[in-house]
N, C-alpha and C. Protein backbone atom coordinates (compact mmCIF):
# COMPACT_ATOMS: atom_id res chain seq x y z
N MET A 1 61.52 3.41 15.33
CA MET A 1 61.39 4.50 14.37
C MET A 1 60.80 3.99 13.05
N ILE A 2 61.32 2.85 12.61
CA ILE A 2 60.80 2.26 11.37
C ILE A 2 59.34 1.91 11.54
N PHE A 3 58.99 1.37 12.72
CA PHE A 3 57.61 0.98 12.98
C PHE A 3 56.69 2.20 12.94
N LYS A 4 57.16 3.33 13.47
CA LYS A 4 56.36 4.54 13.47
C LYS A 4 56.10 5.01 12.04
N LYS A 5 57.13 4.90 11.20
CA LYS A 5 56.95 5.28 9.80
C LYS A 5 55.95 4.37 9.10
N GLN A 6 56.05 3.07 9.39
CA GLN A 6 55.11 2.12 8.79
C GLN A 6 53.69 2.42 9.26
N PHE A 7 53.54 2.76 10.53
CA PHE A 7 52.23 3.09 11.09
C PHE A 7 51.63 4.29 10.38
N ALA A 8 52.45 5.34 10.16
CA ALA A 8 51.98 6.55 9.50
C ALA A 8 51.53 6.26 8.08
N VAL A 9 52.31 5.45 7.36
CA VAL A 9 51.96 5.10 5.98
C VAL A 9 50.65 4.32 5.94
N LEU A 10 50.51 3.34 6.84
CA LEU A 10 49.29 2.53 6.86
C LEU A 10 48.08 3.35 7.27
N ALA A 11 48.28 4.34 8.15
CA ALA A 11 47.17 5.20 8.56
C ALA A 11 46.63 5.99 7.37
N VAL A 12 47.54 6.49 6.53
CA VAL A 12 47.13 7.23 5.33
C VAL A 12 46.37 6.31 4.38
N ILE A 13 46.87 5.08 4.20
CA ILE A 13 46.22 4.12 3.32
C ILE A 13 44.82 3.77 3.84
N ALA A 14 44.72 3.55 5.16
CA ALA A 14 43.42 3.21 5.75
C ALA A 14 42.42 4.33 5.55
N ALA A 15 42.86 5.58 5.74
CA ALA A 15 41.97 6.73 5.55
C ALA A 15 41.48 6.79 4.10
N ALA A 16 42.38 6.52 3.17
CA ALA A 16 42.00 6.52 1.75
C ALA A 16 41.01 5.42 1.45
N LEU A 17 41.21 4.26 2.06
CA LEU A 17 40.29 3.15 1.85
C LEU A 17 38.90 3.47 2.37
N VAL A 18 38.83 4.08 3.55
CA VAL A 18 37.53 4.43 4.14
C VAL A 18 36.79 5.38 3.21
N GLY A 19 37.48 6.46 2.79
CA GLY A 19 36.84 7.42 1.89
C GLY A 19 36.48 6.81 0.57
N GLY A 20 37.35 5.94 0.04
CA GLY A 20 37.10 5.31 -1.25
C GLY A 20 35.90 4.41 -1.23
N VAL A 21 35.74 3.62 -0.16
CA VAL A 21 34.61 2.71 -0.06
C VAL A 21 33.31 3.49 0.02
N GLN A 22 33.31 4.57 0.82
CA GLN A 22 32.08 5.34 0.98
C GLN A 22 31.70 6.02 -0.34
N ASN A 23 32.67 6.65 -1.01
CA ASN A 23 32.36 7.38 -2.24
C ASN A 23 31.98 6.45 -3.39
N ALA A 24 32.57 5.25 -3.40
CA ALA A 24 32.30 4.31 -4.49
C ALA A 24 30.85 3.84 -4.47
N ASN A 25 30.18 3.93 -3.31
CA ASN A 25 28.83 3.42 -3.18
C ASN A 25 27.76 4.50 -3.36
N ALA A 26 28.18 5.75 -3.58
CA ALA A 26 27.21 6.82 -3.77
C ALA A 26 26.57 6.68 -5.15
N THR A 27 25.26 6.92 -5.21
CA THR A 27 24.54 6.84 -6.49
C THR A 27 23.39 7.83 -6.48
N VAL A 28 22.89 8.16 -7.66
CA VAL A 28 21.76 9.08 -7.78
C VAL A 28 20.64 8.40 -8.55
N ILE A 29 19.48 8.35 -7.97
CA ILE A 29 18.30 7.81 -8.64
C ILE A 29 17.71 8.96 -9.45
N ASP A 30 17.94 8.93 -10.78
CA ASP A 30 17.59 10.09 -11.61
C ASP A 30 16.42 9.85 -12.56
N PHE A 31 15.91 8.63 -12.63
CA PHE A 31 14.76 8.31 -13.47
C PHE A 31 14.99 8.66 -14.95
N ASP A 32 16.25 8.77 -15.35
CA ASP A 32 16.54 9.17 -16.73
C ASP A 32 16.18 8.11 -17.77
N SER A 33 16.08 6.86 -17.34
CA SER A 33 15.79 5.80 -18.31
C SER A 33 14.31 5.43 -18.36
N VAL A 34 13.46 6.18 -17.67
CA VAL A 34 12.03 5.83 -17.63
C VAL A 34 11.30 6.33 -18.86
N GLU A 35 10.20 5.67 -19.18
CA GLU A 35 9.27 6.14 -20.19
C GLU A 35 8.09 6.78 -19.48
N THR A 36 7.37 7.63 -20.19
CA THR A 36 6.21 8.27 -19.59
C THR A 36 5.10 7.25 -19.36
N ALA A 37 4.63 7.16 -18.12
CA ALA A 37 3.57 6.21 -17.78
C ALA A 37 2.82 6.74 -16.57
N PHE A 38 1.50 6.61 -16.59
CA PHE A 38 0.67 7.09 -15.50
C PHE A 38 -0.04 5.93 -14.80
N PHE A 39 -0.47 6.17 -13.58
CA PHE A 39 -1.20 5.18 -12.79
C PHE A 39 -0.41 3.88 -12.65
N ILE A 40 0.87 4.00 -12.32
CA ILE A 40 1.71 2.83 -12.11
C ILE A 40 1.80 2.52 -10.62
N ASP A 41 2.08 1.26 -10.30
CA ASP A 41 2.25 0.88 -8.89
C ASP A 41 3.62 1.29 -8.37
N GLY A 42 4.61 1.27 -9.27
CA GLY A 42 5.96 1.61 -8.85
C GLY A 42 6.93 1.49 -10.02
N VAL A 43 8.20 1.74 -9.73
CA VAL A 43 9.24 1.67 -10.75
C VAL A 43 10.55 1.30 -10.08
N VAL A 44 11.38 0.54 -10.80
CA VAL A 44 12.70 0.17 -10.29
C VAL A 44 13.75 0.98 -11.03
N ASP A 45 14.66 1.61 -10.28
CA ASP A 45 15.75 2.36 -10.88
C ASP A 45 17.04 1.86 -10.25
N GLY A 46 17.83 1.11 -11.01
CA GLY A 46 19.05 0.51 -10.46
C GLY A 46 18.73 -0.48 -9.36
N ASP A 47 19.34 -0.29 -8.20
CA ASP A 47 19.13 -1.18 -7.06
C ASP A 47 17.99 -0.73 -6.16
N PHE A 48 17.23 0.27 -6.59
CA PHE A 48 16.20 0.84 -5.74
C PHE A 48 14.80 0.68 -6.33
N ASP A 49 13.86 0.44 -5.44
CA ASP A 49 12.46 0.22 -5.81
C ASP A 49 11.63 1.36 -5.26
N VAL A 50 10.78 1.94 -6.10
CA VAL A 50 9.87 3.02 -5.71
C VAL A 50 8.46 2.48 -5.81
N GLU A 51 7.73 2.51 -4.69
CA GLU A 51 6.35 2.03 -4.66
C GLU A 51 5.42 3.17 -4.29
N GLY A 52 4.38 3.38 -5.10
CA GLY A 52 3.45 4.47 -4.85
C GLY A 52 2.60 4.25 -3.62
N THR A 53 2.22 5.35 -2.97
CA THR A 53 1.30 5.31 -1.84
C THR A 53 0.17 6.29 -2.11
N ASN A 54 -0.92 6.14 -1.39
CA ASN A 54 -2.05 7.04 -1.49
C ASN A 54 -2.70 7.02 -2.88
N ASP A 55 -2.63 8.11 -3.64
CA ASP A 55 -3.44 8.22 -4.85
C ASP A 55 -2.70 7.80 -6.12
N GLY A 56 -1.96 8.70 -6.77
CA GLY A 56 -1.39 8.38 -8.07
C GLY A 56 0.12 8.49 -8.13
N LEU A 57 0.71 7.68 -9.03
CA LEU A 57 2.15 7.71 -9.27
C LEU A 57 2.39 7.53 -10.76
N GLY A 58 3.38 8.24 -11.30
CA GLY A 58 3.71 8.11 -12.71
C GLY A 58 5.15 8.49 -12.96
N THR A 59 5.61 8.24 -14.17
CA THR A 59 6.95 8.62 -14.59
C THR A 59 6.86 9.50 -15.82
N LEU A 60 7.72 10.51 -15.88
CA LEU A 60 7.74 11.45 -17.00
C LEU A 60 9.11 11.39 -17.66
N ALA A 61 9.14 10.99 -18.93
CA ALA A 61 10.40 10.91 -19.65
C ALA A 61 10.99 12.30 -19.85
N ALA A 62 12.28 12.35 -20.12
CA ALA A 62 12.97 13.63 -20.32
C ALA A 62 12.26 14.47 -21.38
N GLY A 63 11.95 15.69 -21.03
CA GLY A 63 11.32 16.62 -21.97
C GLY A 63 9.81 16.51 -22.09
N TYR A 64 9.20 15.49 -21.45
CA TYR A 64 7.75 15.29 -21.62
C TYR A 64 6.95 16.38 -20.91
N ARG A 65 6.21 17.16 -21.66
CA ARG A 65 5.27 18.19 -21.18
C ARG A 65 5.85 19.02 -20.04
N GLU A 66 7.05 19.53 -20.25
CA GLU A 66 7.66 20.37 -19.22
C GLU A 66 6.98 21.74 -19.13
N ASP A 67 6.12 22.04 -20.08
CA ASP A 67 5.33 23.26 -20.01
C ASP A 67 4.11 23.08 -19.11
N TYR A 68 3.88 21.85 -18.68
CA TYR A 68 2.68 21.52 -17.91
C TYR A 68 3.05 21.05 -16.50
N TRP A 69 3.87 19.97 -16.45
CA TRP A 69 4.42 19.51 -15.18
C TRP A 69 5.84 20.03 -15.02
N ARG A 70 6.26 20.23 -13.80
CA ARG A 70 7.61 20.71 -13.55
C ARG A 70 8.63 19.84 -14.29
N GLY A 71 9.57 20.47 -14.98
CA GLY A 71 10.58 19.73 -15.71
C GLY A 71 11.96 20.31 -15.48
N ASN A 72 12.98 19.47 -15.63
CA ASN A 72 14.37 19.93 -15.49
C ASN A 72 15.24 19.37 -16.62
N GLY A 73 14.57 18.93 -17.70
CA GLY A 73 15.29 18.41 -18.85
C GLY A 73 15.64 16.94 -18.77
N THR A 74 15.28 16.29 -17.66
CA THR A 74 15.58 14.86 -17.49
C THR A 74 14.32 14.11 -17.09
N GLY A 75 14.43 12.78 -17.01
CA GLY A 75 13.31 11.99 -16.53
C GLY A 75 13.02 12.31 -15.07
N ARG A 76 11.76 12.10 -14.64
CA ARG A 76 11.40 12.42 -13.26
C ARG A 76 10.19 11.61 -12.84
N LEU A 77 9.94 11.62 -11.53
CA LEU A 77 8.82 10.88 -10.95
C LEU A 77 7.71 11.87 -10.59
N LEU A 78 6.47 11.48 -10.83
CA LEU A 78 5.33 12.33 -10.53
C LEU A 78 4.40 11.63 -9.55
N SER A 79 4.04 12.33 -8.47
CA SER A 79 3.00 11.80 -7.57
C SER A 79 1.90 12.84 -7.49
N TRP A 80 0.65 12.36 -7.33
CA TRP A 80 -0.46 13.31 -7.28
C TRP A 80 -1.60 12.78 -6.42
N SER A 81 -2.44 13.72 -6.04
CA SER A 81 -3.64 13.39 -5.28
C SER A 81 -4.84 14.02 -5.96
N ASN A 82 -5.79 13.17 -6.36
CA ASN A 82 -7.01 13.68 -7.00
C ASN A 82 -8.19 13.73 -6.05
N VAL A 83 -8.12 12.97 -4.97
CA VAL A 83 -9.28 12.85 -4.09
C VAL A 83 -8.95 13.23 -2.65
N GLY A 84 -7.78 13.80 -2.42
CA GLY A 84 -7.41 14.14 -1.06
C GLY A 84 -6.31 15.17 -1.04
N SER A 85 -5.42 15.03 -0.06
CA SER A 85 -4.37 16.04 0.09
C SER A 85 -2.99 15.43 0.31
N VAL A 86 -2.82 14.12 -0.01
CA VAL A 86 -1.53 13.47 0.22
C VAL A 86 -1.15 12.65 -1.02
N SER A 87 0.09 12.82 -1.47
CA SER A 87 0.64 11.96 -2.53
C SER A 87 2.04 11.56 -2.12
N GLY A 88 2.58 10.52 -2.76
CA GLY A 88 3.94 10.15 -2.40
C GLY A 88 4.31 8.73 -2.76
N PHE A 89 5.42 8.28 -2.17
CA PHE A 89 5.95 6.95 -2.48
C PHE A 89 6.89 6.49 -1.38
N VAL A 90 7.24 5.20 -1.44
CA VAL A 90 8.21 4.61 -0.52
C VAL A 90 9.40 4.14 -1.33
N LEU A 91 10.59 4.46 -0.84
CA LEU A 91 11.84 4.07 -1.49
C LEU A 91 12.57 3.03 -0.65
N GLU A 92 13.01 1.94 -1.28
CA GLU A 92 13.81 0.93 -0.59
C GLU A 92 14.68 0.19 -1.60
N ARG A 93 15.73 -0.46 -1.11
CA ARG A 93 16.59 -1.21 -2.01
C ARG A 93 15.93 -2.54 -2.39
N THR A 94 16.19 -3.00 -3.58
CA THR A 94 15.62 -4.27 -4.04
C THR A 94 16.23 -5.46 -3.33
N ASP A 95 17.45 -5.28 -2.78
CA ASP A 95 18.11 -6.38 -2.07
C ASP A 95 18.01 -6.25 -0.55
N SER A 96 17.19 -5.31 -0.08
CA SER A 96 16.93 -5.11 1.35
C SER A 96 18.17 -4.69 2.16
N VAL A 97 19.20 -4.19 1.47
CA VAL A 97 20.40 -3.71 2.16
C VAL A 97 20.15 -2.28 2.67
N ASP A 98 20.73 -1.95 3.82
CA ASP A 98 20.57 -0.60 4.37
C ASP A 98 21.19 0.45 3.46
N PHE A 99 20.70 1.67 3.55
CA PHE A 99 21.25 2.76 2.74
C PHE A 99 21.11 4.08 3.48
N ALA A 100 21.76 5.11 2.96
CA ALA A 100 21.66 6.46 3.51
C ALA A 100 21.06 7.39 2.47
N LEU A 101 20.28 8.37 2.93
CA LEU A 101 19.67 9.36 2.04
C LEU A 101 20.43 10.67 2.17
N GLY A 102 20.98 11.17 1.05
CA GLY A 102 21.77 12.40 1.09
C GLY A 102 20.99 13.64 0.71
N SER A 103 20.27 13.59 -0.42
CA SER A 103 19.52 14.75 -0.88
C SER A 103 18.53 14.32 -1.97
N PHE A 104 17.67 15.25 -2.37
CA PHE A 104 16.74 14.98 -3.47
C PHE A 104 16.19 16.30 -3.98
N ASP A 105 15.64 16.27 -5.21
CA ASP A 105 15.00 17.44 -5.80
C ASP A 105 13.50 17.19 -5.88
N TYR A 106 12.72 18.25 -5.71
CA TYR A 106 11.29 18.09 -5.97
C TYR A 106 10.72 19.37 -6.56
N GLY A 107 9.71 19.17 -7.42
CA GLY A 107 9.04 20.29 -8.06
C GLY A 107 7.64 20.43 -7.52
N ASN A 108 7.15 21.66 -7.46
CA ASN A 108 5.90 21.97 -6.78
C ASN A 108 4.78 22.31 -7.75
N GLY A 109 3.80 21.41 -7.84
CA GLY A 109 2.60 21.70 -8.61
C GLY A 109 2.79 21.83 -10.11
N TYR A 110 1.73 22.28 -10.76
CA TYR A 110 1.79 22.53 -12.19
C TYR A 110 2.64 23.77 -12.47
N VAL A 111 3.13 23.89 -13.70
CA VAL A 111 3.90 25.07 -14.08
C VAL A 111 3.06 26.33 -13.90
N ALA A 112 1.75 26.22 -14.14
CA ALA A 112 0.85 27.37 -14.01
C ALA A 112 0.69 27.83 -12.56
N GLY A 113 1.15 26.99 -11.62
CA GLY A 113 1.10 27.39 -10.21
C GLY A 113 -0.03 26.80 -9.41
N ASN A 114 -0.95 26.10 -10.04
CA ASN A 114 -2.05 25.50 -9.30
C ASN A 114 -1.68 24.10 -8.81
N ASN A 115 -2.50 23.55 -7.92
CA ASN A 115 -2.29 22.23 -7.33
C ASN A 115 -0.89 22.11 -6.70
N SER A 116 -0.52 23.13 -5.97
CA SER A 116 0.82 23.16 -5.41
C SER A 116 0.92 22.34 -4.12
N VAL A 117 2.15 22.11 -3.71
CA VAL A 117 2.46 21.37 -2.48
C VAL A 117 2.69 22.37 -1.36
N SER A 118 2.02 22.15 -0.23
CA SER A 118 2.20 23.05 0.91
C SER A 118 3.36 22.62 1.79
N SER A 119 3.60 21.32 1.87
CA SER A 119 4.71 20.81 2.66
C SER A 119 5.00 19.37 2.26
N ILE A 120 6.20 18.92 2.60
CA ILE A 120 6.55 17.51 2.38
C ILE A 120 7.10 16.95 3.68
N THR A 121 6.86 15.65 3.90
CA THR A 121 7.34 14.97 5.10
C THR A 121 8.01 13.67 4.69
N LEU A 122 9.20 13.44 5.23
CA LEU A 122 9.92 12.19 4.98
C LEU A 122 10.00 11.40 6.27
N THR A 123 9.75 10.10 6.18
CA THR A 123 9.87 9.21 7.32
C THR A 123 10.78 8.05 6.95
N GLY A 124 11.90 7.96 7.63
CA GLY A 124 12.84 6.87 7.39
C GLY A 124 12.66 5.77 8.41
N SER A 125 12.76 4.53 7.98
CA SER A 125 12.62 3.38 8.88
C SER A 125 13.96 2.65 8.99
N PHE A 126 14.31 2.29 10.23
CA PHE A 126 15.55 1.56 10.50
C PHE A 126 15.25 0.08 10.71
N ALA A 127 16.28 -0.74 10.63
CA ALA A 127 16.11 -2.18 10.76
C ALA A 127 15.56 -2.57 12.13
N ASN A 128 15.83 -1.78 13.16
CA ASN A 128 15.35 -2.12 14.51
C ASN A 128 13.91 -1.69 14.76
N GLY A 129 13.26 -1.14 13.74
CA GLY A 129 11.86 -0.76 13.87
C GLY A 129 11.64 0.70 14.22
N SER A 130 12.68 1.42 14.59
CA SER A 130 12.54 2.84 14.92
C SER A 130 12.48 3.67 13.64
N THR A 131 12.06 4.92 13.77
CA THR A 131 11.91 5.79 12.60
C THR A 131 12.49 7.17 12.86
N ILE A 132 12.70 7.90 11.78
CA ILE A 132 13.11 9.30 11.84
C ILE A 132 12.22 10.07 10.88
N THR A 133 11.78 11.26 11.30
CA THR A 133 10.85 12.05 10.48
C THR A 133 11.32 13.49 10.38
N GLU A 134 11.17 14.06 9.20
CA GLU A 134 11.51 15.47 9.01
C GLU A 134 10.55 16.07 7.99
N SER A 135 10.09 17.29 8.28
CA SER A 135 9.13 17.97 7.40
C SER A 135 9.72 19.26 6.87
N PHE A 136 9.28 19.64 5.66
CA PHE A 136 9.75 20.86 5.02
C PHE A 136 8.55 21.62 4.48
N THR A 137 8.45 22.90 4.83
CA THR A 137 7.37 23.73 4.31
C THR A 137 7.77 24.26 2.95
N ASN A 138 6.88 24.14 1.99
CA ASN A 138 7.19 24.58 0.64
C ASN A 138 7.02 26.09 0.51
N THR A 139 8.05 26.74 -0.03
CA THR A 139 7.97 28.19 -0.25
C THR A 139 8.35 28.56 -1.68
N VAL A 140 8.68 27.58 -2.49
CA VAL A 140 9.17 27.85 -3.84
C VAL A 140 8.21 27.27 -4.89
N ASN A 141 7.80 28.11 -5.84
CA ASN A 141 6.95 27.65 -6.92
C ASN A 141 7.84 27.19 -8.07
N GLY A 142 8.52 26.06 -7.86
CA GLY A 142 9.46 25.56 -8.85
C GLY A 142 10.22 24.37 -8.28
N TRP A 143 11.48 24.21 -8.68
CA TRP A 143 12.30 23.11 -8.20
C TRP A 143 13.06 23.50 -6.93
N THR A 144 13.15 22.55 -6.00
CA THR A 144 13.88 22.76 -4.75
C THR A 144 14.76 21.55 -4.48
N THR A 145 15.99 21.79 -4.01
CA THR A 145 16.87 20.70 -3.58
C THR A 145 16.90 20.64 -2.07
N ILE A 146 16.64 19.48 -1.52
CA ILE A 146 16.64 19.28 -0.07
C ILE A 146 17.86 18.45 0.32
N GLU A 147 18.65 18.95 1.23
CA GLU A 147 19.82 18.23 1.76
C GLU A 147 19.44 17.62 3.09
N MET A 148 19.71 16.32 3.26
CA MET A 148 19.38 15.63 4.49
C MET A 148 20.59 15.58 5.44
N SER A 149 20.33 15.47 6.72
CA SER A 149 21.41 15.41 7.70
C SER A 149 22.02 14.00 7.74
N SER A 150 23.14 13.86 8.44
CA SER A 150 23.83 12.58 8.54
C SER A 150 23.05 11.56 9.36
N LEU A 151 21.95 11.98 9.98
CA LEU A 151 21.11 11.04 10.75
C LEU A 151 20.35 10.09 9.83
N TRP A 152 20.24 10.46 8.55
CA TRP A 152 19.47 9.65 7.60
C TRP A 152 20.36 8.58 6.98
N THR A 153 20.80 7.64 7.81
CA THR A 153 21.65 6.56 7.35
C THR A 153 21.22 5.25 7.99
N ASP A 154 21.72 4.13 7.46
CA ASP A 154 21.33 2.80 7.95
C ASP A 154 19.82 2.61 7.86
N LEU A 155 19.24 3.07 6.77
CA LEU A 155 17.79 2.99 6.57
C LEU A 155 17.41 1.75 5.77
N VAL A 156 16.21 1.22 6.04
CA VAL A 156 15.69 0.13 5.22
C VAL A 156 14.65 0.66 4.23
N SER A 157 14.07 1.83 4.53
CA SER A 157 13.12 2.45 3.61
C SER A 157 12.91 3.91 4.00
N VAL A 158 12.44 4.69 3.03
CA VAL A 158 12.07 6.09 3.28
C VAL A 158 10.75 6.37 2.57
N GLU A 159 9.80 6.94 3.31
CA GLU A 159 8.53 7.34 2.72
C GLU A 159 8.56 8.84 2.44
N PHE A 160 8.27 9.22 1.19
CA PHE A 160 8.21 10.61 0.77
C PHE A 160 6.73 10.98 0.61
N LEU A 161 6.26 11.98 1.34
CA LEU A 161 4.86 12.40 1.23
C LEU A 161 4.77 13.89 0.95
N ALA A 162 3.90 14.25 0.00
CA ALA A 162 3.62 15.65 -0.32
C ALA A 162 2.20 15.97 0.11
N PHE A 163 2.02 17.14 0.75
CA PHE A 163 0.73 17.55 1.27
C PHE A 163 0.24 18.81 0.56
N GLY A 164 -1.07 18.86 0.34
CA GLY A 164 -1.69 19.99 -0.34
C GLY A 164 -2.89 19.46 -1.11
N SER A 165 -3.98 20.20 -1.09
CA SER A 165 -5.21 19.75 -1.72
C SER A 165 -4.99 19.45 -3.21
N ASN A 166 -5.30 18.20 -3.61
CA ASN A 166 -5.13 17.77 -5.00
C ASN A 166 -3.73 18.12 -5.54
N ASN A 167 -2.73 17.90 -4.71
CA ASN A 167 -1.38 18.34 -5.07
C ASN A 167 -0.75 17.53 -6.18
N ARG A 168 0.23 18.15 -6.83
CA ARG A 168 1.09 17.52 -7.84
C ARG A 168 2.53 17.75 -7.40
N ALA A 169 3.29 16.67 -7.24
CA ALA A 169 4.68 16.79 -6.82
C ALA A 169 5.56 16.01 -7.79
N VAL A 170 6.68 16.60 -8.19
CA VAL A 170 7.61 15.95 -9.10
C VAL A 170 8.93 15.75 -8.36
N TRP A 171 9.50 14.54 -8.46
CA TRP A 171 10.69 14.15 -7.70
C TRP A 171 11.80 13.71 -8.62
N ASP A 172 13.04 14.00 -8.22
CA ASP A 172 14.16 13.62 -9.08
C ASP A 172 15.47 13.65 -8.29
N ASN A 173 16.51 13.05 -8.88
CA ASN A 173 17.88 13.11 -8.36
C ASN A 173 17.97 12.79 -6.86
N ILE A 174 17.45 11.62 -6.51
CA ILE A 174 17.52 11.18 -5.12
C ILE A 174 18.91 10.58 -4.89
N SER A 175 19.71 11.26 -4.07
CA SER A 175 21.09 10.83 -3.82
C SER A 175 21.12 9.88 -2.62
N VAL A 176 21.63 8.68 -2.85
CA VAL A 176 21.68 7.67 -1.80
C VAL A 176 23.06 7.03 -1.75
N ASP A 177 23.42 6.56 -0.58
CA ASP A 177 24.67 5.81 -0.39
C ASP A 177 24.29 4.37 -0.09
N ALA A 178 24.75 3.45 -0.92
CA ALA A 178 24.49 2.03 -0.69
C ALA A 178 25.29 1.56 0.51
N ALA A 179 24.89 0.42 1.05
CA ALA A 179 25.60 -0.14 2.19
C ALA A 179 27.05 -0.41 1.81
N SER A 180 27.95 -0.19 2.74
CA SER A 180 29.37 -0.43 2.51
C SER A 180 29.99 -1.02 3.75
N ILE A 181 31.27 -1.39 3.66
CA ILE A 181 31.95 -1.87 4.86
C ILE A 181 32.03 -0.71 5.82
N PRO A 182 31.46 -0.81 7.02
CA PRO A 182 31.49 0.31 7.96
C PRO A 182 32.92 0.63 8.39
N GLU A 183 33.14 1.88 8.81
CA GLU A 183 34.46 2.31 9.22
C GLU A 183 35.07 1.43 10.31
N PRO A 184 34.31 1.04 11.36
CA PRO A 184 34.90 0.19 12.39
C PRO A 184 35.47 -1.10 11.83
N ALA A 185 34.81 -1.66 10.80
CA ALA A 185 35.30 -2.91 10.22
C ALA A 185 36.61 -2.68 9.49
N ILE A 186 36.69 -1.58 8.75
CA ILE A 186 37.92 -1.27 8.03
C ILE A 186 39.05 -1.00 9.01
N LEU A 187 38.73 -0.26 10.08
CA LEU A 187 39.76 0.05 11.07
C LEU A 187 40.22 -1.22 11.79
N SER A 188 39.33 -2.17 11.98
CA SER A 188 39.71 -3.43 12.61
C SER A 188 40.72 -4.16 11.74
N ILE A 189 40.46 -4.19 10.43
CA ILE A 189 41.40 -4.81 9.49
C ILE A 189 42.75 -4.11 9.55
N PHE A 190 42.70 -2.79 9.61
CA PHE A 190 43.92 -1.99 9.70
C PHE A 190 44.71 -2.33 10.96
N LEU A 191 44.01 -2.43 12.11
CA LEU A 191 44.68 -2.73 13.38
C LEU A 191 45.28 -4.13 13.39
N PHE A 192 44.59 -5.08 12.77
CA PHE A 192 45.15 -6.43 12.67
C PHE A 192 46.45 -6.40 11.86
N GLY A 193 46.49 -5.56 10.82
CA GLY A 193 47.70 -5.43 10.04
C GLY A 193 48.85 -4.87 10.85
N LEU A 194 48.53 -3.85 11.67
CA LEU A 194 49.55 -3.28 12.54
C LEU A 194 50.07 -4.30 13.54
N LEU A 195 49.16 -5.09 14.09
CA LEU A 195 49.55 -6.12 15.06
C LEU A 195 50.50 -7.12 14.40
N GLY A 196 50.19 -7.47 13.14
CA GLY A 196 51.07 -8.40 12.43
C GLY A 196 52.47 -7.82 12.24
N LEU A 197 52.53 -6.51 11.94
CA LEU A 197 53.84 -5.88 11.77
C LEU A 197 54.62 -5.86 13.09
N ALA A 198 53.90 -5.57 14.19
CA ALA A 198 54.56 -5.52 15.49
C ALA A 198 55.12 -6.88 15.88
N VAL A 199 54.33 -7.93 15.62
CA VAL A 199 54.78 -9.28 15.96
C VAL A 199 55.99 -9.64 15.11
N ARG A 200 55.94 -9.29 13.83
CA ARG A 200 57.06 -9.59 12.92
C ARG A 200 58.33 -8.87 13.37
N LYS A 201 58.17 -7.61 13.83
CA LYS A 201 59.34 -6.85 14.25
C LYS A 201 60.01 -7.48 15.47
N LYS A 202 59.19 -7.99 16.42
CA LYS A 202 59.72 -8.60 17.62
C LYS A 202 60.44 -9.92 17.30
N VAL A 203 59.91 -10.66 16.34
CA VAL A 203 60.52 -11.94 15.95
C VAL A 203 61.83 -11.65 15.20
C-alpha cells in the first residue's frame, strides 16, 4: 500500500518534470533587437540563425516605415524578390541542436496591397536527411499567424519561401522549441527510481 502511494506521488512529479522541461525550452524569435538593414546575408536572434535565400533579405526595426511595409509595432524580418517570384530564408540553430517549429506570423506585400504573396511553402529537414513540406495559400492582405502541426519537430533546419511576382513578405514571432530531454529519457529515470524503491522495500 505504501509502495502504491509512493508510485502515485512519483508519477505526478514525473509528469510535472516532463511538462516543465518542454515548456522551459519554448522561445519566440521576434527580431525585436534588430536594427533596420537591407541586403543582408542573414541575422542571428538568440540561439537561431537566419540565412537569406534567393533574392533579398533585410531587418526592420520596431516602428520603421509601417506605413509602407507590413508592421505590427515590433521588429521584423523582410524578404523580397526583385527579379523573380521567390523570396525567403533558412532557419537553424547556431549550435546544430534539433528543434521544433510551433507557429509564425507573416505579412503580405506592401501596405498599399501591391507585390503581394500568393503562397508560402515551408520545408523542414531532419537529421536523417528526410524532409517535411507544407504549403499555405495566401488569402489575407495583412498579417497572418500560421500554426504548425506536431510533425514539425526534431528538425535541423526549416526553409521559409514566399511565392509571388516581385513579392514582399514580412516575418515575425517564430515560435520554436529547443531540444530537451525527450520524454522516454525522463521516464527511464523515473522507472529507475521506482526500481530503487522496490529493492529498498524488499531489503
